[in-house]
Amino acid sequence: MAQTVSLSEGLVKKAKAYSRVEHRSTAGQIEYWAKMGIVAKDNADLPMSMIEDILISEAELLSGEVSDFVFE
């Protein structure tokens, strides 16, 4: 369910800038930051780059973009 919230002008400006680079909408960028923040808070011992890789892997799995790993 969508809901309207008030955000600071500075946060929205920064989200707009990042969203262009990340190819997301401004709302999508803010949602991404919120999700990263929640996961980082729950897993304070993990670096942000690892959290991002885990979320990318999860998205790939959910979209069916997976293949078997072959051990050599």
PDB file of N, CA and C in Angstrom:
ATOM      1  N   MET A   1       0.835  -1.163   0.000  1.00  0.00           N
ATOM      2  CA  MET A   1       0.000   0.000   0.000  1.00  0.00           C
ATOM      3  C   MET A   1       0.892   1.242   0.000  1.00  0.00           C
ATOM      4  N   ALA A   2       0.698   2.108  -0.972  1.00  0.00           N
ATOM      5  CA  ALA A   2       1.463   3.349  -1.053  1.00  0.00           C
ATOM      6  C   ALA A   2       0.975   4.325   0.004  1.00  0.00           C
ATOM      7  N   GLN A   3       1.928   5.100   0.528  1.00  0.00           N
ATOM      8  CA  GLN A   3       1.580   6.086   1.544  1.00  0.00           C
ATOM      9  C   GLN A   3       2.443   7.319   1.329  1.00  0.00           C
ATOM     10  N   THR A   4       1.883   8.476   1.520  1.00  0.00           N
ATOM     11  CA  THR A   4       2.615   9.727   1.381  1.00  0.00           C
ATOM     12  C   THR A   4       3.350  10.029   2.680  1.00  0.00           C
ATOM     13  N   VAL A   5       4.619  10.406   2.562  1.00  0.00           N
ATOM     14  CA  VAL A   5       5.412  10.802   3.731  1.00  0.00           C
ATOM     15  C   VAL A   5       6.149  12.094   3.406  1.00  0.00           C
ATOM     16  N   SER A   6       6.495  12.843   4.424  1.00  0.00           N
ATOM     17  CA  SER A   6       7.276  14.074   4.251  1.00  0.00           C
ATOM     18  C   SER A   6       8.750  13.746   4.433  1.00  0.00           C
ATOM     19  N   LEU A   7       9.565  14.185   3.475  1.00  0.00           N
ATOM     20  CA  LEU A   7      11.004  13.976   3.531  1.00  0.00           C
ATOM     21  C   LEU A   7      11.703  15.313   3.376  1.00  0.00           C
ATOM     22  N   SER A   8      12.887  15.425   3.931  1.00  0.00           N
ATOM     23  CA  SER A   8      13.623  16.680   3.797  1.00  0.00           C
ATOM     24  C   SER A   8      14.006  16.915   2.345  1.00  0.00           C
ATOM     25  N   GLU A   9      14.096  18.177   1.989  1.00  0.00           N
ATOM     26  CA  GLU A   9      14.462  18.544   0.621  1.00  0.00           C
ATOM     27  C   GLU A   9      15.855  18.016   0.272  1.00  0.00           C
ATOM     28  N   GLY A  10      16.750  18.044   1.244  1.00  0.00           N
ATOM     29  CA  GLY A  10      18.111  17.561   1.013  1.00  0.00           C
ATOM     30  C   GLY A  10      18.156  16.076   0.676  1.00  0.00           C
ATOM     31  N   LEU A  11      17.356  15.290   1.393  1.00  0.00           N
ATOM     32  CA  LEU A  11      17.316  13.853   1.123  1.00  0.00           C
ATOM     33  C   LEU A  11      16.745  13.573  -0.257  1.00  0.00           C
ATOM     34  N   VAL A  12      15.698  14.278  -0.622  1.00  0.00           N
ATOM     35  CA  VAL A  12      15.075  14.078  -1.936  1.00  0.00           C
ATOM     36  C   VAL A  12      16.037  14.483  -3.049  1.00  0.00           C
ATOM     37  N   LYS A  13      16.759  15.592  -2.876  1.00  0.00           N
ATOM     38  CA  LYS A  13      17.739  16.021  -3.885  1.00  0.00           C
ATOM     39  C   LYS A  13      18.830  14.963  -4.063  1.00  0.00           C
ATOM     40  N   LYS A  14      19.322  14.447  -2.943  1.00  0.00           N
ATOM     41  CA  LYS A  14      20.373  13.436  -3.006  1.00  0.00           C
ATOM     42  C   LYS A  14      19.837  12.159  -3.654  1.00  0.00           C
ATOM     43  N   ALA A  15      18.612  11.774  -3.315  1.00  0.00           N
ATOM     44  CA  ALA A  15      18.005  10.577  -3.909  1.00  0.00           C
ATOM     45  C   ALA A  15      17.835  10.735  -5.411  1.00  0.00           C
ATOM     46  N   LYS A  16      17.455  11.938  -5.860  1.00  0.00           N
ATOM     47  CA  LYS A  16      17.303  12.192  -7.297  1.00  0.00           C
ATOM     48  C   LYS A  16      18.634  12.011  -8.012  1.00  0.00           C
ATOM     49  N   ALA A  17      19.705  12.535  -7.420  1.00  0.00           N
ATOM     50  CA  ALA A  17      21.024  12.417  -8.031  1.00  0.00           C
ATOM     51  C   ALA A  17      21.459  10.955  -8.110  1.00  0.00           C
ATOM     52  N   TYR A  18      21.319  10.237  -7.009  1.00  0.00           N
ATOM     53  CA  TYR A  18      21.706   8.823  -6.985  1.00  0.00           C
ATOM     54  C   TYR A  18      20.817   7.990  -7.906  1.00  0.00           C
ATOM     55  N   SER A  19      19.547   8.344  -7.971  1.00  0.00           N
ATOM     56  CA  SER A  19      18.621   7.540  -8.770  1.00  0.00           C
ATOM     57  C   SER A  19      18.975   7.596 -10.257  1.00  0.00           C
ATOM     58  N   ARG A  20      19.497   8.719 -10.714  1.00  0.00           N
ATOM     59  CA  ARG A  20      19.920   8.815 -12.114  1.00  0.00           C
ATOM     60  C   ARG A  20      21.070   7.856 -12.389  1.00  0.00           C
ATOM     61  N   VAL A  21      22.016   7.794 -11.489  1.00  0.00           N
ATOM     62  CA  VAL A  21      23.177   6.912 -11.648  1.00  0.00           C
ATOM     63  C   VAL A  21      22.765   5.449 -11.531  1.00  0.00           C
ATOM     64  N   GLU A  22      21.877   5.146 -10.600  1.00  0.00           N
ATOM     65  CA  GLU A  22      21.460   3.772 -10.323  1.00  0.00           C
ATOM     66  C   GLU A  22      20.305   3.302 -11.216  1.00  0.00           C
ATOM     67  N   HIS A  23      19.802   4.200 -12.075  1.00  0.00           N
ATOM     68  CA  HIS A  23      18.691   3.873 -12.986  1.00  0.00           C
ATOM     69  C   HIS A  23      17.447   3.419 -12.228  1.00  0.00           C
ATOM     70  N   ARG A  24      17.102   4.203 -11.203  1.00  0.00           N
ATOM     71  CA  ARG A  24      15.898   3.961 -10.409  1.00  0.00           C
ATOM     72  C   ARG A  24      15.084   5.238 -10.385  1.00  0.00           C
ATOM     73  N   SER A  25      13.824   5.116  -9.992  1.00  0.00           N
ATOM     74  CA  SER A  25      13.032   6.313  -9.710  1.00  0.00           C
ATOM     75  C   SER A  25      13.521   6.890  -8.383  1.00  0.00           C
ATOM     76  N   THR A  26      13.150   8.126  -8.104  1.00  0.00           N
ATOM     77  CA  THR A  26      13.531   8.723  -6.827  1.00  0.00           C
ATOM     78  C   THR A  26      12.952   7.917  -5.674  1.00  0.00           C
ATOM     79  N   ALA A  27      11.683   7.531  -5.790  1.00  0.00           N
ATOM     80  CA  ALA A  27      11.055   6.713  -4.745  1.00  0.00           C
ATOM     81  C   ALA A  27      11.762   5.364  -4.623  1.00  0.00           C
ATOM     82  N   GLY A  28      12.124   4.783  -5.758  1.00  0.00           N
ATOM     83  CA  GLY A  28      12.835   3.505  -5.741  1.00  0.00           C
ATOM     84  C   GLY A  28      14.180   3.612  -5.050  1.00  0.00           C
ATOM     85  N   GLN A  29      14.874   4.743  -5.251  1.00  0.00           N
ATOM     86  CA  GLN A  29      16.166   4.940  -4.594  1.00  0.00           C
ATOM     87  C   GLN A  29      15.995   5.049  -3.088  1.00  0.00           C
ATOM     88  N   ILE A  30      14.984   5.779  -2.654  1.00  0.00           N
ATOM     89  CA  ILE A  30      14.735   5.920  -1.208  1.00  0.00           C
ATOM     90  C   ILE A  30      14.346   4.567  -0.612  1.00  0.00           C
ATOM     91  N   GLU A  31      13.529   3.784  -1.326  1.00  0.00           N
ATOM     92  CA  GLU A  31      13.172   2.442  -0.851  1.00  0.00           C
ATOM     93  C   GLU A  31      14.417   1.556  -0.759  1.00  0.00           C
ATOM     94  N   TYR A  32      15.305   1.673  -1.750  1.00  0.00           N
ATOM     95  CA  TYR A  32      16.545   0.895  -1.735  1.00  0.00           C
ATOM     96  C   TYR A  32      17.389   1.258  -0.512  1.00  0.00           C
ATOM     97  N   TRP A  33      17.549   2.564  -0.264  1.00  0.00           N
ATOM     98  CA  TRP A  33      18.308   2.994   0.903  1.00  0.00           C
ATOM     99  C   TRP A  33      17.671   2.474   2.191  1.00  0.00           C
ATOM    100  N   ALA A  34      16.358   2.509   2.263  1.00  0.00           N
ATOM    101  CA  ALA A  34      15.668   2.025   3.464  1.00  0.00           C
ATOM    102  C   ALA A  34      15.917   0.535   3.661  1.00  0.00           C
ATOM    103  N   LYS A  35      15.822  -0.231   2.577  1.00  0.00           N
ATOM    104  CA  LYS A  35      16.055  -1.676   2.686  1.00  0.00           C
ATOM    105  C   LYS A  35      17.493  -1.960   3.109  1.00  0.00           C
ATOM    106  N   MET A  36      18.453  -1.254   2.492  1.00  0.00           N
ATOM    107  CA  MET A  36      19.857  -1.426   2.871  1.00  0.00           C
ATOM    108  C   MET A  36      20.065  -1.079   4.345  1.00  0.00           C
ATOM    109  N   GLY A  37      19.429  -0.023   4.789  1.00  0.00           N
ATOM    110  CA  GLY A  37      19.559   0.390   6.184  1.00  0.00           C
ATOM    111  C   GLY A  37      18.993  -0.639   7.150  1.00  0.00           C
ATOM    112  N   ILE A  38      17.855  -1.215   6.806  1.00  0.00           N
ATOM    113  CA  ILE A  38      17.248  -2.245   7.661  1.00  0.00           C
ATOM    114  C   ILE A  38      18.158  -3.465   7.748  1.00  0.00           C
ATOM    115  N   VAL A  39      18.644  -3.922   6.593  1.00  0.00           N
ATOM    116  CA  VAL A  39      19.516  -5.097   6.580  1.00  0.00           C
ATOM    117  C   VAL A  39      20.823  -4.803   7.311  1.00  0.00           C
ATOM    118  N   ALA A  40      21.393  -3.609   7.107  1.00  0.00           N
ATOM    119  CA  ALA A  40      22.640  -3.237   7.794  1.00  0.00           C
ATOM    120  C   ALA A  40      22.435  -3.177   9.304  1.00  0.00           C
ATOM    121  N   LYS A  41      21.310  -2.653   9.725  1.00  0.00           N
ATOM    122  CA  LYS A  41      21.010  -2.575  11.164  1.00  0.00           C
ATOM    123  C   LYS A  41      20.894  -3.970  11.771  1.00  0.00           C
ATOM    124  N   ASP A  42      20.265  -4.889  11.031  1.00  0.00           N
ATOM    125  CA  ASP A  42      20.099  -6.262  11.513  1.00  0.00           C
ATOM    126  C   ASP A  42      21.378  -7.084  11.428  1.00  0.00           C
ATOM    127  N   ASN A  43      22.348  -6.633  10.622  1.00  0.00           N
ATOM    128  CA  ASN A  43      23.593  -7.371  10.399  1.00  0.00           C
ATOM    129  C   ASN A  43      24.775  -6.416  10.481  1.00  0.00           C
ATOM    130  N   ALA A  44      24.946  -5.804  11.631  1.00  0.00           N
ATOM    131  CA  ALA A  44      25.943  -4.751  11.812  1.00  0.00           C
ATOM    132  C   ALA A  44      27.377  -5.214  11.541  1.00  0.00           C
ATOM    133  N   ASP A  45      27.618  -6.520  11.585  1.00  0.00           N
ATOM    134  CA  ASP A  45      28.971  -7.031  11.376  1.00  0.00           C
ATOM    135  C   ASP A  45      29.324  -7.208   9.897  1.00  0.00           C
ATOM    136  N   LEU A  46      28.358  -7.058   8.995  1.00  0.00           N
ATOM    137  CA  LEU A  46      28.611  -7.248   7.564  1.00  0.00           C
ATOM    138  C   LEU A  46      28.902  -5.910   6.887  1.00  0.00           C
ATOM    139  N   PRO A  47      29.875  -5.884   5.970  1.00  0.00           N
ATOM    140  CA  PRO A  47      30.114  -4.650   5.212  1.00  0.00           C
ATOM    141  C   PRO A  47      28.968  -4.392   4.234  1.00  0.00           C
ATOM    142  N   MET A  48      28.744  -3.125   3.917  1.00  0.00           N
ATOM    143  CA  MET A  48      27.645  -2.759   3.015  1.00  0.00           C
ATOM    144  C   MET A  48      27.775  -3.442   1.656  1.00  0.00           C
ATOM    145  N   SER A  49      28.998  -3.615   1.166  1.00  0.00           N
ATOM    146  CA  SER A  49      29.179  -4.258  -0.137  1.00  0.00           C
ATOM    147  C   SER A  49      28.681  -5.703  -0.109  1.00  0.00           C
ATOM    148  N   MET A  50      28.871  -6.385   1.005  1.00  0.00           N
ATOM    149  CA  MET A  50      28.383  -7.766   1.122  1.00  0.00           C
ATOM    150  C   MET A  50      26.866  -7.789   1.203  1.00  0.00           C
ATOM    151  N   ILE A  51      26.293  -6.862   1.934  1.00  0.00           N
ATOM    152  CA  ILE A  51      24.836  -6.779   2.033  1.00  0.00           C
ATOM    153  C   ILE A  51      24.238  -6.534   0.647  1.00  0.00           C
ATOM    154  N   GLU A  52      24.855  -5.624  -0.114  1.00  0.00           N
ATOM    155  CA  GLU A  52      24.366  -5.336  -1.454  1.00  0.00           C
ATOM    156  C   GLU A  52      24.461  -6.582  -2.341  1.00  0.00           C
ATOM    157  N   ASP A  53      25.575  -7.312  -2.249  1.00  0.00           N
ATOM    158  CA  ASP A  53      25.727  -8.544  -3.033  1.00  0.00           C
ATOM    159  C   ASP A  53      24.681  -9.590  -2.656  1.00  0.00           C
ATOM    160  N   ILE A  54      24.368  -9.698  -1.389  1.00  0.00           N
ATOM    161  CA  ILE A  54      23.347 -10.649  -0.922  1.00  0.00           C
ATOM    162  C   ILE A  54      21.978 -10.262  -1.488  1.00  0.00           C
ATOM    163  N   LEU A  55      21.642  -8.962  -1.455  1.00  0.00           N
ATOM    164  CA  LEU A  55      20.356  -8.511  -1.981  1.00  0.00           C
ATOM    165  C   LEU A  55      20.272  -8.712  -3.495  1.00  0.00           C
ATOM    166  N   ILE A  56      21.381  -8.504  -4.204  1.00  0.00           N
ATOM    167  CA  ILE A  56      21.406  -8.763  -5.644  1.00  0.00           C
ATOM    168  C   ILE A  56      21.196 -10.247  -5.908  1.00  0.00           C
ATOM    169  N   SER A  57      21.876 -11.089  -5.154  1.00  0.00           N
ATOM    170  CA  SER A  57      21.720 -12.540  -5.312  1.00  0.00           C
ATOM    171  C   SER A  57      20.287 -12.973  -5.047  1.00  0.00           C
ATOM    172  N   GLU A  58      19.676 -12.397  -4.018  1.00  0.00           N
ATOM    173  CA  GLU A  58      18.283 -12.710  -3.702  1.00  0.00           C
ATOM    174  C   GLU A  58      17.360 -12.321  -4.861  1.00  0.00           C
ATOM    175  N   ALA A  59      17.595 -11.140  -5.433  1.00  0.00           N
ATOM    176  CA  ALA A  59      16.773 -10.680  -6.555  1.00  0.00           C
ATOM    177  C   ALA A  59      16.958 -11.583  -7.769  1.00  0.00           C
ATOM    178  N   GLU A  60      18.196 -12.014  -8.028  1.00  0.00           N
ATOM    179  CA  GLU A  60      18.454 -12.927  -9.143  1.00  0.00           C
ATOM    180  C   GLU A  60      17.746 -14.261  -8.928  1.00  0.00           C
ATOM    181  N   LEU A  61      17.781 -14.757  -7.715  1.00  0.00           N
ATOM    182  CA  LEU A  61      17.106 -16.016  -7.397  1.00  0.00           C
ATOM    183  C   LEU A  61      15.601 -15.894  -7.617  1.00  0.00           C
ATOM    184  N   LEU A  62      15.011 -14.809  -7.128  1.00  0.00           N
ATOM    185  CA  LEU A  62      13.568 -14.616  -7.258  1.00  0.00           C
ATOM    186  C   LEU A  62      13.129 -14.431  -8.711  1.00  0.00           C
ATOM    187  N   SER A  63      14.029 -13.908  -9.553  1.00  0.00           N
ATOM    188  CA  SER A  63      13.681 -13.713 -10.961  1.00  0.00           C
ATOM    189  C   SER A  63      14.063 -14.903 -11.828  1.00  0.00           C
ATOM    190  N   GLY A  64      14.605 -15.953 -11.206  1.00  0.00           N
ATOM    191  CA  GLY A  64      14.949 -17.169 -11.951  1.00  0.00           C
ATOM    192  C   GLY A  64      16.282 -17.107 -12.665  1.00  0.00           C
ATOM    193  N   GLU A  65      17.090 -16.098 -12.391  1.00  0.00           N
ATOM    194  CA  GLU A  65      18.388 -15.952 -13.028  1.00  0.00           C
ATOM    195  C   GLU A  65      19.453 -16.716 -12.249  1.00  0.00           C
ATOM    196  N   VAL A  66      19.329 -18.021 -12.197  1.00  0.00           N
ATOM    197  CA  VAL A  66      20.273 -18.831 -11.453  1.00  0.00           C
ATOM    198  C   VAL A  66      20.799 -19.962 -12.320  1.00  0.00           C
ATOM    199  N   SER A  67      21.956 -20.440 -11.955  1.00  0.00           N
ATOM    200  CA  SER A  67      22.518 -21.602 -12.612  1.00  0.00           C
ATOM    201  C   SER A  67      23.315 -22.393 -11.584  1.00  0.00           C
ATOM    202  N   ASP A  68      23.545 -23.655 -11.873  1.00  0.00           N
ATOM    203  CA  ASP A  68      24.313 -24.495 -10.957  1.00  0.00           C
ATOM    204  C   ASP A  68      25.764 -24.053 -10.928  1.00  0.00           C
ATOM    205  N   PHE A  69      26.347 -24.071  -9.748  1.00  0.00           N
ATOM    206  CA  PHE A  69      27.772 -23.764  -9.612  1.00  0.00           C
ATOM    207  C   PHE A  69      28.546 -25.059  -9.818  1.00  0.00           C
ATOM    208  N   VAL A  70      29.555 -25.013 -10.654  1.00  0.00           N
ATOM    209  CA  VAL A  70      30.363 -26.197 -10.937  1.00  0.00           C
ATOM    210  C   VAL A  70      31.686 -26.071 -10.211  1.00  0.00           C
ATOM    211  N   PHE A  71      31.958 -27.002  -9.291  1.00  0.00           N
ATOM    212  CA  PHE A  71      33.227 -27.025  -8.604  1.00  0.00           C
ATOM    213  C   PHE A  71      34.269 -27.669  -9.501  1.00  0.00           C
ATOM    214  N   GLU A  72      35.411 -27.081  -9.598  1.00  0.00           N
ATOM    215  CA  GLU A  72      36.466 -27.647 -10.438  1.00  0.00           C
ATOM    216  C   GLU A  72      37.586 -28.182  -9.613  1.00  0.00           C
TER     217      GLU A  72
END
